[in-house]
PDB file of N, CA and C in Angstrom:
ATOM      1  N   MET A   1     -20.090  19.763  -1.623  1.00  0.00           N
ATOM      2  CA  MET A   1     -18.672  19.522  -1.742  1.00  0.00           C
ATOM      3  C   MET A   1     -18.429  18.048  -2.051  1.00  0.00           C
ATOM      4  N   ALA A   2     -17.578  17.764  -2.996  1.00  0.00           N
ATOM      5  CA  ALA A   2     -17.275  16.392  -3.388  1.00  0.00           C
ATOM      6  C   ALA A   2     -16.418  15.707  -2.326  1.00  0.00           C
ATOM      7  N   ILE A   3     -16.542  14.403  -2.268  1.00  0.00           N
ATOM      8  CA  ILE A   3     -15.734  13.626  -1.339  1.00  0.00           C
ATOM      9  C   ILE A   3     -14.285  13.660  -1.813  1.00  0.00           C
ATOM     10  N   GLU A   4     -13.394  14.085  -0.943  1.00  0.00           N
ATOM     11  CA  GLU A   4     -11.983  14.197  -1.289  1.00  0.00           C
ATOM     12  C   GLU A   4     -11.292  12.836  -1.292  1.00  0.00           C
ATOM     13  N   ILE A   5     -11.666  11.978  -0.334  1.00  0.00           N
ATOM     14  CA  ILE A   5     -11.083  10.637  -0.293  1.00  0.00           C
ATOM     15  C   ILE A   5     -12.198   9.615  -0.092  1.00  0.00           C
ATOM     16  N   GLU A   6     -11.957   8.429  -0.588  1.00  0.00           N
ATOM     17  CA  GLU A   6     -12.969   7.370  -0.544  1.00  0.00           C
ATOM     18  C   GLU A   6     -13.221   6.909   0.894  1.00  0.00           C
ATOM     19  N   PRO A   7     -14.447   6.429   1.161  1.00  0.00           N
ATOM     20  CA  PRO A   7     -14.783   5.938   2.504  1.00  0.00           C
ATOM     21  C   PRO A   7     -13.858   4.820   2.991  1.00  0.00           C
ATOM     22  N   ALA A   8     -13.401   3.953   2.109  1.00  0.00           N
ATOM     23  CA  ALA A   8     -12.499   2.870   2.521  1.00  0.00           C
ATOM     24  C   ALA A   8     -11.173   3.440   3.035  1.00  0.00           C
ATOM     25  N   LEU A   9     -10.677   4.481   2.382  1.00  0.00           N
ATOM     26  CA  LEU A   9      -9.441   5.128   2.809  1.00  0.00           C
ATOM     27  C   LEU A   9      -9.662   5.863   4.130  1.00  0.00           C
ATOM     28  N   GLN A  10     -10.829   6.481   4.278  1.00  0.00           N
ATOM     29  CA  GLN A  10     -11.176   7.141   5.536  1.00  0.00           C
ATOM     30  C   GLN A  10     -11.203   6.127   6.674  1.00  0.00           C
ATOM     31  N   ALA A  11     -11.775   4.953   6.435  1.00  0.00           N
ATOM     32  CA  ALA A  11     -11.862   3.914   7.461  1.00  0.00           C
ATOM     33  C   ALA A  11     -10.473   3.456   7.888  1.00  0.00           C
ATOM     34  N   ARG A  12      -9.557   3.325   6.937  1.00  0.00           N
ATOM     35  CA  ARG A  12      -8.186   2.916   7.264  1.00  0.00           C
ATOM     36  C   ARG A  12      -7.486   3.978   8.100  1.00  0.00           C
ATOM     37  N   LEU A  13      -7.742   5.254   7.792  1.00  0.00           N
ATOM     38  CA  LEU A  13      -7.159   6.337   8.584  1.00  0.00           C
ATOM     39  C   LEU A  13      -7.746   6.353   9.995  1.00  0.00           C
ATOM     40  N   GLN A  14      -9.035   6.089  10.114  1.00  0.00           N
ATOM     41  CA  GLN A  14      -9.687   6.075  11.421  1.00  0.00           C
ATOM     42  C   GLN A  14      -9.104   4.996  12.325  1.00  0.00           C
ATOM     43  N   GLN A  15      -8.626   3.900  11.750  1.00  0.00           N
ATOM     44  CA  GLN A  15      -7.987   2.849  12.541  1.00  0.00           C
ATOM     45  C   GLN A  15      -6.735   3.363  13.242  1.00  0.00           C
ATOM     46  N   HIS A  16      -6.169   4.438  12.724  1.00  0.00           N
ATOM     47  CA  HIS A  16      -4.977   5.049  13.311  1.00  0.00           C
ATOM     48  C   HIS A  16      -5.324   6.317  14.091  1.00  0.00           C
ATOM     49  N   GLY A  17      -6.602   6.547  14.334  1.00  0.00           N
ATOM     50  CA  GLY A  17      -7.038   7.682  15.140  1.00  0.00           C
ATOM     51  C   GLY A  17      -7.180   8.991  14.382  1.00  0.00           C
ATOM     52  N   ILE A  18      -7.138   8.942  13.073  1.00  0.00           N
ATOM     53  CA  ILE A  18      -7.277  10.159  12.265  1.00  0.00           C
ATOM     54  C   ILE A  18      -8.742  10.309  11.874  1.00  0.00           C
ATOM     55  N   THR A  19      -9.331  11.427  12.270  1.00  0.00           N
ATOM     56  CA  THR A  19     -10.756  11.619  12.027  1.00  0.00           C
ATOM     57  C   THR A  19     -11.073  12.829  11.150  1.00  0.00           C
ATOM     58  N   GLU A  20     -10.080  13.652  10.866  1.00  0.00           N
ATOM     59  CA  GLU A  20     -10.287  14.802   9.980  1.00  0.00           C
ATOM     60  C   GLU A  20      -9.674  14.465   8.629  1.00  0.00           C
ATOM     61  N   PHE A  21     -10.471  14.635   7.572  1.00  0.00           N
ATOM     62  CA  PHE A  21     -10.052  14.187   6.251  1.00  0.00           C
ATOM     63  C   PHE A  21      -9.920  15.309   5.230  1.00  0.00           C
ATOM     64  N   ASP A  22      -9.948  16.555   5.681  1.00  0.00           N
ATOM     65  CA  ASP A  22      -9.776  17.656   4.734  1.00  0.00           C
ATOM     66  C   ASP A  22      -8.290  17.803   4.407  1.00  0.00           C
ATOM     67  N   GLU A  23      -8.009  18.489   3.335  1.00  0.00           N
ATOM     68  CA  GLU A  23      -6.646  18.623   2.825  1.00  0.00           C
ATOM     69  C   GLU A  23      -5.670  19.183   3.856  1.00  0.00           C
ATOM     70  N   VAL A  24      -6.055  20.240   4.546  1.00  0.00           N
ATOM     71  CA  VAL A  24      -5.160  20.893   5.498  1.00  0.00           C
ATOM     72  C   VAL A  24      -4.863  19.980   6.687  1.00  0.00           C
ATOM     73  N   ALA A  25      -5.876  19.352   7.239  1.00  0.00           N
ATOM     74  CA  ALA A  25      -5.677  18.464   8.388  1.00  0.00           C
ATOM     75  C   ALA A  25      -4.786  17.280   8.011  1.00  0.00           C
ATOM     76  N   LEU A  26      -4.999  16.711   6.840  1.00  0.00           N
ATOM     77  CA  LEU A  26      -4.177  15.579   6.407  1.00  0.00           C
ATOM     78  C   LEU A  26      -2.729  16.016   6.169  1.00  0.00           C
ATOM     79  N   ARG A  27      -2.531  17.193   5.585  1.00  0.00           N
ATOM     80  CA  ARG A  27      -1.169  17.691   5.365  1.00  0.00           C
ATOM     81  C   ARG A  27      -0.463  17.922   6.689  1.00  0.00           C
ATOM     82  N   GLN A  28      -1.139  18.540   7.633  1.00  0.00           N
ATOM     83  CA  GLN A  28      -0.528  18.801   8.933  1.00  0.00           C
ATOM     84  C   GLN A  28      -0.175  17.503   9.659  1.00  0.00           C
ATOM     85  N   THR A  29      -1.036  16.509   9.549  1.00  0.00           N
ATOM     86  CA  THR A  29      -0.752  15.216  10.167  1.00  0.00           C
ATOM     87  C   THR A  29       0.426  14.541   9.482  1.00  0.00           C
ATOM     88  N   LEU A  30       0.459  14.581   8.163  1.00  0.00           N
ATOM     89  CA  LEU A  30       1.576  14.009   7.412  1.00  0.00           C
ATOM     90  C   LEU A  30       2.892  14.653   7.837  1.00  0.00           C
ATOM     91  N   GLU A  31       2.889  15.954   8.014  1.00  0.00           N
ATOM     92  CA  GLU A  31       4.108  16.675   8.380  1.00  0.00           C
ATOM     93  C   GLU A  31       4.584  16.351   9.791  1.00  0.00           C
ATOM     94  N   ARG A  32       3.713  15.799  10.626  1.00  0.00           N
ATOM     95  CA  ARG A  32       4.149  15.346  11.949  1.00  0.00           C
ATOM     96  C   ARG A  32       4.931  14.038  11.858  1.00  0.00           C
ATOM     97  N   TYR A  33       4.745  13.299  10.777  1.00  0.00           N
ATOM     98  CA  TYR A  33       5.367  11.979  10.634  1.00  0.00           C
ATOM     99  C   TYR A  33       6.549  11.942   9.672  1.00  0.00           C
ATOM    100  N   THR A  34       6.743  12.963   8.875  1.00  0.00           N
ATOM    101  CA  THR A  34       7.859  12.971   7.936  1.00  0.00           C
ATOM    102  C   THR A  34       8.437  14.370   7.808  1.00  0.00           C
ATOM    103  N   THR A  35       9.716  14.427   7.539  1.00  0.00           N
ATOM    104  CA  THR A  35      10.366  15.734   7.411  1.00  0.00           C
ATOM    105  C   THR A  35      10.369  16.228   5.972  1.00  0.00           C
ATOM    106  N   THR A  36      10.295  15.309   5.012  1.00  0.00           N
ATOM    107  CA  THR A  36      10.389  15.704   3.613  1.00  0.00           C
ATOM    108  C   THR A  36       9.418  14.913   2.745  1.00  0.00           C
ATOM    109  N   TYR A  37       8.738  15.622   1.853  1.00  0.00           N
ATOM    110  CA  TYR A  37       7.897  15.011   0.829  1.00  0.00           C
ATOM    111  C   TYR A  37       7.763  16.013  -0.296  1.00  0.00           C
ATOM    112  N   THR A  38       7.376  15.526  -1.453  1.00  0.00           N
ATOM    113  CA  THR A  38       7.146  16.404  -2.593  1.00  0.00           C
ATOM    114  C   THR A  38       5.794  16.059  -3.197  1.00  0.00           C
ATOM    115  N   LEU A  39       4.952  17.055  -3.372  1.00  0.00           N
ATOM    116  CA  LEU A  39       3.657  16.866  -4.013  1.00  0.00           C
ATOM    117  C   LEU A  39       3.703  17.571  -5.361  1.00  0.00           C
ATOM    118  N   ILE A  40       3.382  16.834  -6.405  1.00  0.00           N
ATOM    119  CA  ILE A  40       3.421  17.382  -7.757  1.00  0.00           C
ATOM    120  C   ILE A  40       2.024  17.324  -8.365  1.00  0.00           C
ATOM    121  N   LYS A  41       1.590  18.442  -8.926  1.00  0.00           N
ATOM    122  CA  LYS A  41       0.365  18.449  -9.733  1.00  0.00           C
ATOM    123  C   LYS A  41       0.805  18.141 -11.149  1.00  0.00           C
ATOM    124  N   LEU A  42       0.328  17.045 -11.681  1.00  0.00           N
ATOM    125  CA  LEU A  42       0.772  16.597 -12.992  1.00  0.00           C
ATOM    126  C   LEU A  42       0.157  17.426 -14.110  1.00  0.00           C
ATOM    127  N   ALA A  43       0.924  17.618 -15.148  1.00  0.00           N
ATOM    128  CA  ALA A  43       0.432  18.300 -16.348  1.00  0.00           C
ATOM    129  C   ALA A  43      -0.610  17.412 -17.028  1.00  0.00           C
ATOM    130  N   GLU A  44      -1.265  17.957 -18.021  1.00  0.00           N
ATOM    131  CA  GLU A  44      -2.382  17.264 -18.672  1.00  0.00           C
ATOM    132  C   GLU A  44      -2.013  15.904 -19.266  1.00  0.00           C
ATOM    133  N   TRP A  45      -0.914  15.822 -20.033  1.00  0.00           N
ATOM    134  CA  TRP A  45      -0.606  14.543 -20.682  1.00  0.00           C
ATOM    135  C   TRP A  45      -0.167  13.466 -19.699  1.00  0.00           C
ATOM    136  N   PRO A  46       0.654  13.762 -18.663  1.00  0.00           N
ATOM    137  CA  PRO A  46       0.953  12.682 -17.716  1.00  0.00           C
ATOM    138  C   PRO A  46      -0.276  12.269 -16.906  1.00  0.00           C
ATOM    139  N   ALA A  47      -1.147  13.227 -16.607  1.00  0.00           N
ATOM    140  CA  ALA A  47      -2.373  12.898 -15.865  1.00  0.00           C
ATOM    141  C   ALA A  47      -3.226  11.915 -16.654  1.00  0.00           C
ATOM    142  N   ARG A  48      -3.309  12.110 -17.959  1.00  0.00           N
ATOM    143  CA  ARG A  48      -4.057  11.164 -18.796  1.00  0.00           C
ATOM    144  C   ARG A  48      -3.352   9.814 -18.850  1.00  0.00           C
ATOM    145  N   ARG A  49      -2.054   9.854 -19.009  1.00  0.00           N
ATOM    146  CA  ARG A  49      -1.286   8.614 -19.140  1.00  0.00           C
ATOM    147  C   ARG A  49      -1.333   7.782 -17.865  1.00  0.00           C
ATOM    148  N   TRP A  50      -1.136   8.419 -16.719  1.00  0.00           N
ATOM    149  CA  TRP A  50      -1.073   7.688 -15.449  1.00  0.00           C
ATOM    150  C   TRP A  50      -2.409   7.662 -14.713  1.00  0.00           C
ATOM    151  N   LYS A  51      -3.422   8.284 -15.292  1.00  0.00           N
ATOM    152  CA  LYS A  51      -4.772   8.306 -14.720  1.00  0.00           C
ATOM    153  C   LYS A  51      -4.802   8.815 -13.267  1.00  0.00           C
ATOM    154  N   CYS A  52      -4.046   9.884 -13.042  1.00  0.00           N
ATOM    155  CA  CYS A  52      -4.044  10.547 -11.741  1.00  0.00           C
ATOM    156  C   CYS A  52      -3.688  12.016 -11.976  1.00  0.00           C
ATOM    157  N   HIS A  53      -3.967  12.843 -10.998  1.00  0.00           N
ATOM    158  CA  HIS A  53      -3.697  14.271 -11.137  1.00  0.00           C
ATOM    159  C   HIS A  53      -2.567  14.748 -10.238  1.00  0.00           C
ATOM    160  N   TYR A  54      -2.267  13.970  -9.192  1.00  0.00           N
ATOM    161  CA  TYR A  54      -1.242  14.359  -8.238  1.00  0.00           C
ATOM    162  C   TYR A  54      -0.327  13.180  -7.952  1.00  0.00           C
ATOM    163  N   ARG A  55       0.925  13.490  -7.675  1.00  0.00           N
ATOM    164  CA  ARG A  55       1.900  12.470  -7.294  1.00  0.00           C
ATOM    165  C   ARG A  55       2.623  12.964  -6.043  1.00  0.00           C
ATOM    166  N   LEU A  56       2.565  12.146  -5.003  1.00  0.00           N
ATOM    167  CA  LEU A  56       3.275  12.433  -3.758  1.00  0.00           C
ATOM    168  C   LEU A  56       4.511  11.545  -3.727  1.00  0.00           C
ATOM    169  N   MET A  57       5.665  12.167  -3.554  1.00  0.00           N
ATOM    170  CA  MET A  57       6.912  11.409  -3.470  1.00  0.00           C
ATOM    171  C   MET A  57       7.461  11.564  -2.057  1.00  0.00           C
ATOM    172  N   MET A  58       7.737  10.411  -1.461  1.00  0.00           N
ATOM    173  CA  MET A  58       8.276  10.363  -0.112  1.00  0.00           C
ATOM    174  C   MET A  58       9.310   9.257  -0.068  1.00  0.00           C
ATOM    175  N   ARG A  59      10.511   9.616   0.341  1.00  0.00           N
ATOM    176  CA  ARG A  59      11.608   8.651   0.355  1.00  0.00           C
ATOM    177  C   ARG A  59      11.721   8.007  -1.008  1.00  0.00           C
ATOM    178  N   GLU A  60      11.699   6.678  -1.066  1.00  0.00           N
ATOM    179  CA  GLU A  60      11.821   5.994  -2.355  1.00  0.00           C
ATOM    180  C   GLU A  60      10.467   5.590  -2.935  1.00  0.00           C
ATOM    181  N   SER A  61       9.376   6.089  -2.375  1.00  0.00           N
ATOM    182  CA  SER A  61       8.036   5.701  -2.813  1.00  0.00           C
ATOM    183  C   SER A  61       7.293   6.848  -3.486  1.00  0.00           C
ATOM    184  N   MET A  62       6.361   6.474  -4.362  1.00  0.00           N
ATOM    185  CA  MET A  62       5.484   7.444  -5.029  1.00  0.00           C
ATOM    186  C   MET A  62       4.046   6.984  -4.853  1.00  0.00           C
ATOM    187  N   TYR A  63       3.144   7.951  -4.662  1.00  0.00           N
ATOM    188  CA  TYR A  63       1.726   7.661  -4.483  1.00  0.00           C
ATOM    189  C   TYR A  63       0.951   8.525  -5.459  1.00  0.00           C
ATOM    190  N   ASP A  64       0.236   7.896  -6.376  1.00  0.00           N
ATOM    191  CA  ASP A  64      -0.563   8.601  -7.375  1.00  0.00           C
ATOM    192  C   ASP A  64      -1.996   8.726  -6.882  1.00  0.00           C
ATOM    193  N   ALA A  65      -2.572   9.926  -7.037  1.00  0.00           N
ATOM    194  CA  ALA A  65      -3.897  10.184  -6.491  1.00  0.00           C
ATOM    195  C   ALA A  65      -4.680  11.137  -7.391  1.00  0.00           C
ATOM    196  N   GLN A  66      -5.979  11.147  -7.177  1.00  0.00           N
ATOM    197  CA  GLN A  66      -6.863  12.049  -7.915  1.00  0.00           C
ATOM    198  C   GLN A  66      -6.964  13.418  -7.261  1.00  0.00           C
ATOM    199  N   THR A  67      -6.823  13.469  -5.932  1.00  0.00           N
ATOM    200  CA  THR A  67      -6.913  14.732  -5.203  1.00  0.00           C
ATOM    201  C   THR A  67      -5.705  14.887  -4.286  1.00  0.00           C
ATOM    202  N   VAL A  68      -5.472  16.093  -3.836  1.00  0.00           N
ATOM    203  CA  VAL A  68      -4.393  16.359  -2.896  1.00  0.00           C
ATOM    204  C   VAL A  68      -4.650  15.600  -1.599  1.00  0.00           C
ATOM    205  N   SER A  69      -5.881  15.633  -1.114  1.00  0.00           N
ATOM    206  CA  SER A  69      -6.232  14.929   0.121  1.00  0.00           C
ATOM    207  C   SER A  69      -5.940  13.440   0.016  1.00  0.00           C
ATOM    208  N   GLU A  70      -6.283  12.861  -1.116  1.00  0.00           N
ATOM    209  CA  GLU A  70      -6.039  11.433  -1.318  1.00  0.00           C
ATOM    210  C   GLU A  70      -4.538  11.139  -1.313  1.00  0.00           C
ATOM    211  N   ALA A  71      -3.741  11.991  -1.922  1.00  0.00           N
ATOM    212  CA  ALA A  71      -2.288  11.797  -1.935  1.00  0.00           C
ATOM    213  C   ALA A  71      -1.731  11.854  -0.510  1.00  0.00           C
ATOM    214  N   TYR A  72      -2.143  12.853   0.254  1.00  0.00           N
ATOM    215  CA  TYR A  72      -1.692  12.957   1.638  1.00  0.00           C
ATOM    216  C   TYR A  72      -2.123  11.740   2.445  1.00  0.00           C
ATOM    217  N   ALA A  73      -3.351  11.296   2.249  1.00  0.00           N
ATOM    218  CA  ALA A  73      -3.865  10.141   2.990  1.00  0.00           C
ATOM    219  C   ALA A  73      -3.070   8.882   2.660  1.00  0.00           C
ATOM    220  N   MET A  74      -2.752   8.672   1.404  1.00  0.00           N
ATOM    221  CA  MET A  74      -1.996   7.493   1.006  1.00  0.00           C
ATOM    222  C   MET A  74      -0.586   7.516   1.599  1.00  0.00           C
ATOM    223  N   GLY A  75       0.056   8.665   1.556  1.00  0.00           N
ATOM    224  CA  GLY A  75       1.382   8.787   2.146  1.00  0.00           C
ATOM    225  C   GLY A  75       1.359   8.604   3.649  1.00  0.00           C
ATOM    226  N   LEU A  76       0.361   9.167   4.274  1.00  0.00           N
ATOM    227  CA  LEU A  76       0.211   9.055   5.718  1.00  0.00           C
ATOM    228  C   LEU A  76       0.013   7.602   6.137  1.00  0.00           C
ATOM    229  N   LEU A  77      -0.843   6.894   5.429  1.00  0.00           N
ATOM    230  CA  LEU A  77      -1.056   5.476   5.739  1.00  0.00           C
ATOM    231  C   LEU A  77       0.230   4.670   5.584  1.00  0.00           C
ATOM    232  N   ALA A  78       0.996   4.967   4.560  1.00  0.00           N
ATOM    233  CA  ALA A  78       2.262   4.259   4.365  1.00  0.00           C
ATOM    234  C   ALA A  78       3.195   4.492   5.555  1.00  0.00           C
ATOM    235  N   LEU A  79       3.235   5.711   6.061  1.00  0.00           N
ATOM    236  CA  LEU A  79       4.084   6.010   7.208  1.00  0.00           C
ATOM    237  C   LEU A  79       3.570   5.346   8.477  1.00  0.00           C
ATOM    238  N   LEU A  80       2.275   5.377   8.679  1.00  0.00           N
ATOM    239  CA  LEU A  80       1.694   4.812   9.894  1.00  0.00           C
ATOM    240  C   LEU A  80       1.814   3.296   9.940  1.00  0.00           C
ATOM    241  N   GLN A  81       1.850   2.667   8.783  1.00  0.00           N
ATOM    242  CA  GLN A  81       1.931   1.212   8.728  1.00  0.00           C
ATOM    243  C   GLN A  81       3.374   0.717   8.655  1.00  0.00           C
ATOM    244  N   ALA A  82       4.331   1.642   8.517  1.00  0.00           N
ATOM    245  CA  ALA A  82       5.748   1.269   8.439  1.00  0.00           C
ATOM    246  C   ALA A  82       6.259   0.924   9.832  1.00  0.00           C
ATOM    247  N   PRO A  83       7.256   0.068   9.908  1.00  0.00           N
ATOM    248  CA  PRO A  83       7.874  -0.221  11.221  1.00  0.00           C
ATOM    249  C   PRO A  83       8.429   1.057  11.832  1.00  0.00           C
ATOM    250  N   VAL A  84       8.396   1.163  13.134  1.00  0.00           N
ATOM    251  CA  VAL A  84       8.788   2.367  13.852  1.00  0.00           C
ATOM    252  C   VAL A  84      10.201   2.805  13.522  1.00  0.00           C
ATOM    253  N   GLU A  85      11.144   1.882  13.365  1.00  0.00           N
ATOM    254  CA  GLU A  85      12.535   2.263  13.126  1.00  0.00           C
ATOM    255  C   GLU A  85      12.741   2.935  11.770  1.00  0.00           C
ATOM    256  N   LYS A  86      11.792   2.794  10.838  1.00  0.00           N
ATOM    257  CA  LYS A  86      11.939   3.406   9.518  1.00  0.00           C
ATOM    258  C   LYS A  86      11.333   4.803   9.449  1.00  0.00           C
ATOM    259  N   GLN A  87      10.622   5.247  10.473  1.00  0.00           N
ATOM    260  CA  GLN A  87       9.990   6.554  10.439  1.00  0.00           C
ATOM    261  C   GLN A  87      11.011   7.628  10.788  1.00  0.00           C
ATOM    262  N   ASP A  88      10.895   8.770  10.132  1.00  0.00           N
ATOM    263  CA  ASP A  88      11.818   9.868  10.389  1.00  0.00           C
ATOM    264  C   ASP A  88      11.086  11.076  10.957  1.00  0.00           C
ATOM    265  N   THR A  89      10.462  10.874  12.099  1.00  0.00           N
ATOM    266  CA  THR A  89       9.726  11.971  12.722  1.00  0.00           C
ATOM    267  C   THR A  89      10.704  13.017  13.223  1.00  0.00           C
ATOM    268  N   HIS A  90      10.206  14.206  13.382  1.00  0.00           N
ATOM    269  CA  HIS A  90      11.069  15.291  13.851  1.00  0.00           C
ATOM    270  C   HIS A  90      10.512  15.916  15.075  1.00  0.00           C
TER     271      HIS A  90
END
């Protein structure tokens, strides 16, 4: 099985106590920290243009990634590193 997210990204997640890096675990963790997000699988021409296959949109931010797991991890890190008053946990 190919590595879904890079070791450096895994290390950053581990600093926040996240130790499972598969797609489902990352999605479930992300959903504990935000009420709304949109994950888009890009069509062929935008994927070539932006050099990514997935785009995660959360609030006013976008995260471009090669895999679904990487997109979830990037969004999750952004939420975990944000000041507490800006988080919209439910």
